[in-house]
Amino acid sequence: PKDIAPAVMQLIEDPSNNAAWVKMTEYPTSTVKFAEI
C-alpha cells in the first residue's frame, strides 16, 4: 500500500484535469491512453 500513495500524491499535483494513471510492480507509473472516436 505504501508504494501506491506517492504516485497518488504526484497525480494530485499533476497539471492534467482527467488523467488515469497505472501503477504496477517493476514498471514506472504510466498514463492510460484512451481511444478518442
PDB file of all heavy atoms in Angstrom:
ATOM      1  N   PRO A   1       0.807  -1.227   0.000  1.00  0.00           N
ATOM      2  CA  PRO A   1       0.000   0.000   0.000  1.00  0.00           C
ATOM      3  C   PRO A   1       0.832   1.265   0.000  1.00  0.00           C
ATOM      4  O   PRO A   1       0.472   2.260  -0.650  1.00  0.00           O
ATOM      5  CB  PRO A   1      -0.821  -0.141   1.288  1.00  0.00           C
ATOM      6  CG  PRO A   1      -0.978  -1.620   1.460  1.00  0.00           C
ATOM      7  CD  PRO A   1       0.342  -2.193   1.016  1.00  0.00           C
ATOM      8  N   LYS A   2       1.963   1.237   0.703  1.00  0.00           N
ATOM      9  CA  LYS A   2       2.808   2.432   0.767  1.00  0.00           C
ATOM     10  C   LYS A   2       3.443   2.761  -0.583  1.00  0.00           C
ATOM     11  O   LYS A   2       3.926   3.888  -0.782  1.00  0.00           O
ATOM     12  CB  LYS A   2       3.907   2.241   1.817  1.00  0.00           C
ATOM     13  CG  LYS A   2       4.896   1.132   1.495  1.00  0.00           C
ATOM     14  CD  LYS A   2       5.923   0.967   2.601  1.00  0.00           C
ATOM     15  CE  LYS A   2       6.910  -0.156   2.274  1.00  0.00           C
ATOM     16  NZ  LYS A   2       7.920  -0.334   3.350  1.00  0.00           N
ATOM     17  N   ASP A   3       3.454   1.793  -1.516  1.00  0.00           N
ATOM     18  CA  ASP A   3       4.014   2.042  -2.844  1.00  0.00           C
ATOM     19  C   ASP A   3       3.048   2.828  -3.719  1.00  0.00           C
ATOM     20  O   ASP A   3       3.469   3.474  -4.688  1.00  0.00           O
ATOM     21  CB  ASP A   3       4.351   0.717  -3.549  1.00  0.00           C
ATOM     22  CG  ASP A   3       5.388  -0.099  -2.804  1.00  0.00           C
ATOM     23  OD1 ASP A   3       6.284   0.509  -2.194  1.00  0.00           O
ATOM     24  OD2 ASP A   3       5.299  -1.342  -2.818  1.00  0.00           O
ATOM     25  N   ILE A   4       1.763   2.758  -3.415  1.00  0.00           N
ATOM     26  CA  ILE A   4       0.743   3.435  -4.219  1.00  0.00           C
ATOM     27  C   ILE A   4       0.638   4.912  -3.851  1.00  0.00           C
ATOM     28  O   ILE A   4       0.457   5.781  -4.712  1.00  0.00           O
ATOM     29  CB  ILE A   4      -0.628   2.759  -4.023  1.00  0.00           C
ATOM     30  CG1 ILE A   4      -0.583   1.302  -4.517  1.00  0.00           C
ATOM     31  CG2 ILE A   4      -1.734   3.527  -4.749  1.00  0.00           C
ATOM     32  CD1 ILE A   4      -0.329   1.178  -6.000  1.00  0.00           C
ATOM     33  N   ALA A   5       0.748   5.208  -2.559  1.00  0.00           N
ATOM     34  CA  ALA A   5       0.488   6.565  -2.072  1.00  0.00           C
ATOM     35  C   ALA A   5       1.341   7.643  -2.747  1.00  0.00           C
ATOM     36  O   ALA A   5       0.799   8.690  -3.122  1.00  0.00           O
ATOM     37  CB  ALA A   5       0.659   6.610  -0.554  1.00  0.00           C
ATOM     38  N   PRO A   6       2.657   7.457  -2.934  1.00  0.00           N
ATOM     39  CA  PRO A   6       3.434   8.519  -3.589  1.00  0.00           C
ATOM     40  C   PRO A   6       2.954   8.820  -5.007  1.00  0.00           C
ATOM     41  O   PRO A   6       2.961   9.993  -5.431  1.00  0.00           O
ATOM     42  CB  PRO A   6       4.865   7.956  -3.593  1.00  0.00           C
ATOM     43  CG  PRO A   6       4.894   6.999  -2.449  1.00  0.00           C
ATOM     44  CD  PRO A   6       3.539   6.375  -2.440  1.00  0.00           C
ATOM     45  N   ALA A   7       2.515   7.787  -5.737  1.00  0.00           N
ATOM     46  CA  ALA A   7       2.008   8.010  -7.095  1.00  0.00           C
ATOM     47  C   ALA A   7       0.720   8.829  -7.053  1.00  0.00           C
ATOM     48  O   ALA A   7       0.484   9.689  -7.913  1.00  0.00           O
ATOM     49  CB  ALA A   7       1.766   6.676  -7.798  1.00  0.00           C
ATOM     50  N   VAL A   8      -0.120   8.594  -6.041  1.00  0.00           N
ATOM     51  CA  VAL A   8      -1.355   9.362  -5.907  1.00  0.00           C
ATOM     52  C   VAL A   8      -1.035  10.820  -5.578  1.00  0.00           C
ATOM     53  O   VAL A   8      -1.671  11.741  -6.095  1.00  0.00           O
ATOM     54  CB  VAL A   8      -2.276   8.749  -4.836  1.00  0.00           C
ATOM     55  CG1 VAL A   8      -3.506   9.620  -4.625  1.00  0.00           C
ATOM     56  CG2 VAL A   8      -2.693   7.337  -5.246  1.00  0.00           C
ATOM     57  N   MET A   9      -0.022  11.041  -4.732  1.00  0.00           N
ATOM     58  CA  MET A   9       0.375  12.419  -4.420  1.00  0.00           C
ATOM     59  C   MET A   9       0.838  13.137  -5.693  1.00  0.00           C
ATOM     60  O   MET A   9       0.509  14.310  -5.923  1.00  0.00           O
ATOM     61  CB  MET A   9       1.493  12.434  -3.376  1.00  0.00           C
ATOM     62  CG  MET A   9       1.141  11.777  -2.036  1.00  0.00           C
ATOM     63  SD  MET A   9      -0.320  12.438  -1.192  1.00  0.00           S
ATOM     64  CE  MET A   9      -1.479  11.065  -1.417  1.00  0.00           C
ATOM     65  N   GLN A  10       1.591  12.438  -6.530  1.00  0.00           N
ATOM     66  CA  GLN A  10       2.045  13.017  -7.801  1.00  0.00           C
ATOM     67  C   GLN A  10       0.861  13.301  -8.718  1.00  0.00           C
ATOM     68  O   GLN A  10       0.837  14.317  -9.410  1.00  0.00           O
ATOM     69  CB  GLN A  10       3.022  12.069  -8.495  1.00  0.00           C
ATOM     70  CG  GLN A  10       4.344  11.898  -7.765  1.00  0.00           C
ATOM     71  CD  GLN A  10       5.221  10.832  -8.393  1.00  0.00           C
ATOM     72  OE1 GLN A  10       5.019  10.426  -9.535  1.00  0.00           O
ATOM     73  NE2 GLN A  10       6.194  10.361  -7.639  1.00  0.00           N
ATOM     74  N   LEU A  11      -0.125  12.400  -8.715  1.00  0.00           N
ATOM     75  CA  LEU A  11      -1.298  12.572  -9.558  1.00  0.00           C
ATOM     76  C   LEU A  11      -2.102  13.797  -9.126  1.00  0.00           C
ATOM     77  O   LEU A  11      -2.628  14.540  -9.961  1.00  0.00           O
ATOM     78  CB  LEU A  11      -2.161  11.312  -9.510  1.00  0.00           C
ATOM     79  CG  LEU A  11      -3.408  11.267 -10.395  1.00  0.00           C
ATOM     80  CD1 LEU A  11      -3.062  11.508 -11.864  1.00  0.00           C
ATOM     81  CD2 LEU A  11      -4.124   9.928 -10.238  1.00  0.00           C
ATOM     82  N   ILE A  12      -2.194  14.014  -7.811  1.00  0.00           N
ATOM     83  CA  ILE A  12      -2.888  15.202  -7.312  1.00  0.00           C
ATOM     84  C   ILE A  12      -2.207  16.469  -7.833  1.00  0.00           C
ATOM     85  O   ILE A  12      -2.872  17.424  -8.239  1.00  0.00           O
ATOM     86  CB  ILE A  12      -2.914  15.208  -5.766  1.00  0.00           C
ATOM     87  CG1 ILE A  12      -3.812  14.084  -5.241  1.00  0.00           C
ATOM     88  CG2 ILE A  12      -3.397  16.568  -5.233  1.00  0.00           C
ATOM     89  CD1 ILE A  12      -3.722  13.875  -3.738  1.00  0.00           C
ATOM     90  N   GLU A  13      -0.882  16.460  -7.837  1.00  0.00           N
ATOM     91  CA  GLU A  13      -0.126  17.652  -8.214  1.00  0.00           C
ATOM     92  C   GLU A  13       0.104  17.765  -9.721  1.00  0.00           C
ATOM     93  O   GLU A  13       0.572  18.798 -10.199  1.00  0.00           O
ATOM     94  CB  GLU A  13       1.211  17.652  -7.479  1.00  0.00           C
ATOM     95  CG  GLU A  13       1.045  17.759  -5.954  1.00  0.00           C
ATOM     96  CD  GLU A  13       2.351  17.671  -5.196  1.00  0.00           C
ATOM     97  OE1 GLU A  13       3.281  17.024  -5.707  1.00  0.00           O
ATOM     98  OE2 GLU A  13       2.432  18.246  -4.095  1.00  0.00           O
ATOM     99  N   ASP A  14      -0.260  16.726 -10.466  1.00  0.00           N
ATOM    100  CA  ASP A  14      -0.087  16.756 -11.917  1.00  0.00           C
ATOM    101  C   ASP A  14      -1.046  17.772 -12.540  1.00  0.00           C
ATOM    102  O   ASP A  14      -2.183  17.911 -12.102  1.00  0.00           O
ATOM    103  CB  ASP A  14      -0.367  15.360 -12.488  1.00  0.00           C
ATOM    104  CG  ASP A  14      -0.093  15.271 -13.977  1.00  0.00           C
ATOM    105  OD1 ASP A  14       1.071  15.119 -14.345  1.00  0.00           O
ATOM    106  OD2 ASP A  14      -1.063  15.374 -14.753  1.00  0.00           O
ATOM    107  N   PRO A  15      -0.618  18.496 -13.585  1.00  0.00           N
ATOM    108  CA  PRO A  15      -1.463  19.554 -14.162  1.00  0.00           C
ATOM    109  C   PRO A  15      -2.658  19.072 -14.975  1.00  0.00           C
ATOM    110  O   PRO A  15      -3.510  19.874 -15.347  1.00  0.00           O
ATOM    111  CB  PRO A  15      -0.485  20.335 -15.045  1.00  0.00           C
ATOM    112  CG  PRO A  15       0.588  19.355 -15.387  1.00  0.00           C
ATOM    113  CD  PRO A  15       0.733  18.497 -14.166  1.00  0.00           C
ATOM    114  N   SER A  16      -2.759  17.777 -15.270  1.00  0.00           N
ATOM    115  CA  SER A  16      -3.875  17.287 -16.077  1.00  0.00           C
ATOM    116  C   SER A  16      -5.192  17.369 -15.296  1.00  0.00           C
ATOM    117  O   SER A  16      -5.205  17.384 -14.068  1.00  0.00           O
ATOM    118  CB  SER A  16      -3.631  15.846 -16.516  1.00  0.00           C
ATOM    119  OG  SER A  16      -3.451  15.021 -15.381  1.00  0.00           O
ATOM    120  N   ASN A  17      -6.290  17.425 -16.035  1.00  0.00           N
ATOM    121  CA  ASN A  17      -7.601  17.555 -15.417  1.00  0.00           C
ATOM    122  C   ASN A  17      -8.341  16.237 -15.261  1.00  0.00           C
ATOM    123  O   ASN A  17      -9.258  16.136 -14.450  1.00  0.00           O
ATOM    124  CB  ASN A  17      -8.480  18.497 -16.248  1.00  0.00           C
ATOM    125  CG  ASN A  17      -7.881  19.871 -16.371  1.00  0.00           C
ATOM    126  OD1 ASN A  17      -7.199  20.332 -15.470  1.00  0.00           O
ATOM    127  ND2 ASN A  17      -8.125  20.525 -17.491  1.00  0.00           N
ATOM    128  N   ASN A  18      -7.990  15.224 -16.066  1.00  0.00           N
ATOM    129  CA  ASN A  18      -8.758  13.972 -16.030  1.00  0.00           C
ATOM    130  C   ASN A  18      -7.897  12.763 -16.396  1.00  0.00           C
ATOM    131  O   ASN A  18      -8.322  11.887 -17.125  1.00  0.00           O
ATOM    132  CB  ASN A  18      -9.966  14.052 -16.963  1.00  0.00           C
ATOM    133  CG  ASN A  18      -9.574  14.305 -18.415  1.00  0.00           C
ATOM    134  OD1 ASN A  18      -8.416  14.622 -18.703  1.00  0.00           O
ATOM    135  ND2 ASN A  18     -10.519  14.172 -19.329  1.00  0.00           N
ATOM    136  N   ALA A  19      -6.681  12.710 -15.863  1.00  0.00           N
ATOM    137  CA  ALA A  19      -5.773  11.613 -16.178  1.00  0.00           C
ATOM    138  C   ALA A  19      -6.158  10.322 -15.462  1.00  0.00           C
ATOM    139  O   ALA A  19      -6.798  10.338 -14.418  1.00  0.00           O
ATOM    140  CB  ALA A  19      -4.343  11.987 -15.808  1.00  0.00           C
ATOM    141  N   ALA A  20      -5.764   9.195 -16.045  1.00  0.00           N
ATOM    142  CA  ALA A  20      -5.845   7.889 -15.387  1.00  0.00           C
ATOM    143  C   ALA A  20      -4.435   7.306 -15.403  1.00  0.00           C
ATOM    144  O   ALA A  20      -3.855   7.120 -16.470  1.00  0.00           O
ATOM    145  CB  ALA A  20      -6.814   6.969 -16.115  1.00  0.00           C
ATOM    146  N   TRP A  21      -3.887   7.069 -14.223  1.00  0.00           N
ATOM    147  CA  TRP A  21      -2.527   6.556 -14.116  1.00  0.00           C
ATOM    148  C   TRP A  21      -2.535   5.098 -13.665  1.00  0.00           C
ATOM    149  O   TRP A  21      -3.341   4.705 -12.816  1.00  0.00           O
ATOM    150  CB  TRP A  21      -1.728   7.367 -13.103  1.00  0.00           C
ATOM    151  CG  TRP A  21      -1.272   8.705 -13.612  1.00  0.00           C
ATOM    152  CD1 TRP A  21      -1.654   9.344 -14.759  1.00  0.00           C
ATOM    153  CD2 TRP A  21      -0.350   9.582 -12.959  1.00  0.00           C
ATOM    154  NE1 TRP A  21      -1.033  10.561 -14.857  1.00  0.00           N
ATOM    155  CE2 TRP A  21      -0.227  10.733 -13.781  1.00  0.00           C
ATOM    156  CE3 TRP A  21       0.372   9.515 -11.773  1.00  0.00           C
ATOM    157  CZ2 TRP A  21       0.594  11.799 -13.442  1.00  0.00           C
ATOM    158  CZ3 TRP A  21       1.195  10.569 -11.422  1.00  0.00           C
ATOM    159  CH2 TRP A  21       1.315  11.701 -12.253  1.00  0.00           C
ATOM    160  N   VAL A  22      -1.617   4.316 -14.231  1.00  0.00           N
ATOM    161  CA  VAL A  22      -1.441   2.909 -13.858  1.00  0.00           C
ATOM    162  C   VAL A  22      -0.153   2.767 -13.059  1.00  0.00           C
ATOM    163  O   VAL A  22       0.895   3.280 -13.461  1.00  0.00           O
ATOM    164  CB  VAL A  22      -1.379   2.011 -15.108  1.00  0.00           C
ATOM    165  CG1 VAL A  22      -0.994   0.584 -14.723  1.00  0.00           C
ATOM    166  CG2 VAL A  22      -2.718   2.011 -15.829  1.00  0.00           C
ATOM    167  N   LYS A  23      -0.230   2.073 -11.928  1.00  0.00           N
ATOM    168  CA  LYS A  23       0.938   1.816 -11.097  1.00  0.00           C
ATOM    169  C   LYS A  23       1.053   0.321 -10.862  1.00  0.00           C
ATOM    170  O   LYS A  23       0.165  -0.302 -10.273  1.00  0.00           O
ATOM    171  CB  LYS A  23       0.807   2.543  -9.756  1.00  0.00           C
ATOM    172  CG  LYS A  23       1.934   2.264  -8.781  1.00  0.00           C
ATOM    173  CD  LYS A  23       3.268   2.795  -9.281  1.00  0.00           C
ATOM    174  CE  LYS A  23       4.367   2.578  -8.252  1.00  0.00           C
ATOM    175  NZ  LYS A  23       5.692   3.004  -8.752  1.00  0.00           N
ATOM    176  N   MET A  24       2.141  -0.281 -11.378  1.00  0.00           N
ATOM    177  CA  MET A  24       2.379  -1.714 -11.230  1.00  0.00           C
ATOM    178  C   MET A  24       3.786  -1.958 -10.738  1.00  0.00           C
ATOM    179  O   MET A  24       4.641  -1.073 -10.787  1.00  0.00           O
ATOM    180  CB  MET A  24       2.159  -2.430 -12.577  1.00  0.00           C
ATOM    181  CG  MET A  24       0.747  -2.318 -13.122  1.00  0.00           C
ATOM    182  SD  MET A  24       0.570  -3.055 -14.763  1.00  0.00           S
ATOM    183  CE  MET A  24       0.970  -4.775 -14.412  1.00  0.00           C
ATOM    184  N   THR A  25       4.037  -3.175 -10.262  1.00  0.00           N
ATOM    185  CA  THR A  25       5.373  -3.526  -9.807  1.00  0.00           C
ATOM    186  C   THR A  25       6.337  -3.532 -10.984  1.00  0.00           C
ATOM    187  O   THR A  25       5.978  -3.903 -12.106  1.00  0.00           O
ATOM    188  CB  THR A  25       5.387  -4.920  -9.162  1.00  0.00           C
ATOM    189  OG1 THR A  25       4.854  -5.860 -10.098  1.00  0.00           O
ATOM    190  CG2 THR A  25       4.562  -4.950  -7.896  1.00  0.00           C
ATOM    191  N   GLU A  26       7.561  -3.111 -10.726  1.00  0.00           N
ATOM    192  CA  GLU A  26       8.673  -3.178 -11.679  1.00  0.00           C
ATOM    193  C   GLU A  26       8.470  -2.309 -12.914  1.00  0.00           C
ATOM    194  O   GLU A  26       9.238  -2.395 -13.871  1.00  0.00           O
ATOM    195  CB  GLU A  26       8.937  -4.628 -12.112  1.00  0.00           C
ATOM    196  CG  GLU A  26       9.269  -5.550 -10.943  1.00  0.00           C
ATOM    197  CD  GLU A  26       9.472  -6.982 -11.390  1.00  0.00           C
ATOM    198  OE1 GLU A  26       9.364  -7.251 -12.601  1.00  0.00           O
ATOM    199  OE2 GLU A  26       9.744  -7.832 -10.526  1.00  0.00           O
ATOM    200  N   TYR A  27       7.424  -1.507 -12.936  1.00  0.00           N
ATOM    201  CA  TYR A  27       7.182  -0.619 -14.076  1.00  0.00           C
ATOM    202  C   TYR A  27       7.001   0.810 -13.573  1.00  0.00           C
ATOM    203  O   TYR A  27       6.419   1.029 -12.503  1.00  0.00           O
ATOM    204  CB  TYR A  27       5.919  -1.040 -14.838  1.00  0.00           C
ATOM    205  CG  TYR A  27       6.018  -2.390 -15.498  1.00  0.00           C
ATOM    206  CD1 TYR A  27       5.536  -3.526 -14.851  1.00  0.00           C
ATOM    207  CD2 TYR A  27       6.589  -2.541 -16.761  1.00  0.00           C
ATOM    208  CE1 TYR A  27       5.618  -4.782 -15.450  1.00  0.00           C
ATOM    209  CE2 TYR A  27       6.674  -3.784 -17.357  1.00  0.00           C
ATOM    210  CZ  TYR A  27       6.191  -4.898 -16.704  1.00  0.00           C
ATOM    211  OH  TYR A  27       6.278  -6.136 -17.285  1.00  0.00           O
ATOM    212  N   PRO A  28       7.451   1.782 -14.331  1.00  0.00           N
ATOM    213  CA  PRO A  28       7.194   3.171 -13.931  1.00  0.00           C
ATOM    214  C   PRO A  28       5.710   3.488 -14.061  1.00  0.00           C
ATOM    215  O   PRO A  28       4.995   2.856 -14.844  1.00  0.00           O
ATOM    216  CB  PRO A  28       8.027   3.985 -14.930  1.00  0.00           C
ATOM    217  CG  PRO A  28       8.171   3.096 -16.124  1.00  0.00           C
ATOM    218  CD  PRO A  28       8.236   1.698 -15.589  1.00  0.00           C
ATOM    219  N   THR A  29       5.250   4.437 -13.277  1.00  0.00           N
ATOM    220  CA  THR A  29       3.856   4.863 -13.381  1.00  0.00           C
ATOM    221  C   THR A  29       3.599   5.371 -14.794  1.00  0.00           C
ATOM    222  O   THR A  29       4.389   6.112 -15.360  1.00  0.00           O
ATOM    223  CB  THR A  29       3.568   5.989 -12.368  1.00  0.00           C
ATOM    224  OG1 THR A  29       3.881   5.500 -11.059  1.00  0.00           O
ATOM    225  CG2 THR A  29       2.110   6.403 -12.408  1.00  0.00           C
ATOM    226  N   SER A  30       2.497   4.936 -15.383  1.00  0.00           N
ATOM    227  CA  SER A  30       2.201   5.302 -16.769  1.00  0.00           C
ATOM    228  C   SER A  30       0.787   5.849 -16.888  1.00  0.00           C
ATOM    229  O   SER A  30      -0.051   5.653 -16.012  1.00  0.00           O
ATOM    230  CB  SER A  30       2.367   4.088 -17.692  1.00  0.00           C
ATOM    231  OG  SER A  30       1.541   3.017 -17.261  1.00  0.00           O
ATOM    232  N   THR A  31       0.512   6.536 -17.987  1.00  0.00           N
ATOM    233  CA  THR A  31      -0.789   7.146 -18.242  1.00  0.00           C
ATOM    234  C   THR A  31      -1.595   6.281 -19.199  1.00  0.00           C
ATOM    235  O   THR A  31      -1.070   5.791 -20.195  1.00  0.00           O
ATOM    236  CB  THR A  31      -0.617   8.550 -18.859  1.00  0.00           C
ATOM    237  OG1 THR A  31       0.137   9.353 -17.950  1.00  0.00           O
ATOM    238  CG2 THR A  31      -1.959   9.206 -19.121  1.00  0.00           C
ATOM    239  N   VAL A  32      -2.867   6.085 -18.881  1.00  0.00           N
ATOM    240  CA  VAL A  32      -3.755   5.349 -19.775  1.00  0.00           C
ATOM    241  C   VAL A  32      -4.087   6.225 -20.978  1.00  0.00           C
ATOM    242  O   VAL A  32      -4.463   7.386 -20.826  1.00  0.00           O
ATOM    243  CB  VAL A  32      -5.064   4.953 -19.055  1.00  0.00           C
ATOM    244  CG1 VAL A  32      -6.022   4.257 -20.020  1.00  0.00           C
ATOM    245  CG2 VAL A  32      -4.770   4.042 -17.868  1.00  0.00           C
ATOM    246  N   LYS A  33      -3.930   5.676 -22.162  1.00  0.00           N
ATOM    247  CA  LYS A  33      -4.268   6.389 -23.389  1.00  0.00           C
ATOM    248  C   LYS A  33      -5.613   5.872 -23.898  1.00  0.00           C
ATOM    249  O   LYS A  33      -5.734   4.711 -24.289  1.00  0.00           O
ATOM    250  CB  LYS A  33      -3.184   6.174 -24.456  1.00  0.00           C
ATOM    251  CG  LYS A  33      -1.798   6.664 -24.057  1.00  0.00           C
ATOM    252  CD  LYS A  33      -1.758   8.179 -23.901  1.00  0.00           C
ATOM    253  CE  LYS A  33      -0.340   8.646 -23.616  1.00  0.00           C
ATOM    254  NZ  LYS A  33      -0.278  10.119 -23.418  1.00  0.00           N
ATOM    255  N   PHE A  34      -6.619   6.717 -23.863  1.00  0.00           N
ATOM    256  CA  PHE A  34      -7.948   6.319 -24.306  1.00  0.00           C
ATOM    257  C   PHE A  34      -8.116   6.606 -25.800  1.00  0.00           C
ATOM    258  O   PHE A  34      -7.622   7.615 -26.312  1.00  0.00           O
ATOM    259  CB  PHE A  34      -9.022   7.090 -23.539  1.00  0.00           C
ATOM    260  CG  PHE A  34      -9.062   6.771 -22.073  1.00  0.00           C
ATOM    261  CD1 PHE A  34      -8.463   7.617 -21.148  1.00  0.00           C
ATOM    262  CD2 PHE A  34      -9.689   5.624 -21.612  1.00  0.00           C
ATOM    263  CE1 PHE A  34      -8.503   7.336 -19.797  1.00  0.00           C
ATOM    264  CE2 PHE A  34      -9.730   5.324 -20.264  1.00  0.00           C
ATOM    265  CZ  PHE A  34      -9.131   6.182 -19.350  1.00  0.00           C
ATOM    266  N   ALA A  35      -8.828   5.712 -26.494  1.00  0.00           N
ATOM    267  CA  ALA A  35      -9.166   5.962 -27.894  1.00  0.00           C
ATOM    268  C   ALA A  35     -10.229   7.043 -27.945  1.00  0.00           C
ATOM    269  O   ALA A  35     -11.210   7.008 -27.203  1.00  0.00           O
ATOM    270  CB  ALA A  35      -9.686   4.681 -28.547  1.00  0.00           C
ATOM    271  N   GLU A  36     -10.020   8.020 -28.793  1.00  0.00           N
ATOM    272  CA  GLU A  36     -10.986   9.108 -28.946  1.00  0.00           C
ATOM    273  C   GLU A  36     -11.612   9.007 -30.332  1.00  0.00           C
ATOM    274  O   GLU A  36     -10.962   9.244 -31.346  1.00  0.00           O
ATOM    275  CB  GLU A  36     -10.303  10.463 -28.758  1.00  0.00           C
ATOM    276  CG  GLU A  36      -9.769  10.646 -27.345  1.00  0.00           C
ATOM    277  CD  GLU A  36      -9.226  12.045 -27.111  1.00  0.00           C
ATOM    278  OE1 GLU A  36      -9.261  12.855 -28.066  1.00  0.00           O
ATOM    279  OE2 GLU A  36      -8.764  12.323 -25.986  1.00  0.00           O
ATOM    280  N   ILE A  37     -12.877   8.628 -30.362  1.00  0.00           N
ATOM    281  CA  ILE A  37     -13.587   8.424 -31.621  1.00  0.00           C
ATOM    282  C   ILE A  37     -14.317   9.710 -31.983  1.00  0.00           C
ATOM    283  O   ILE A  37     -15.184  10.173 -31.230  1.00  0.00           O
ATOM    284  CB  ILE A  37     -14.594   7.262 -31.500  1.00  0.00           C
ATOM    285  CG1 ILE A  37     -13.870   5.974 -31.079  1.00  0.00           C
ATOM    286  CG2 ILE A  37     -15.338   7.062 -32.816  1.00  0.00           C
ATOM    287  CD1 ILE A  37     -14.797   4.825 -30.786  1.00  0.00           C
TER     288      ILE A  37
END
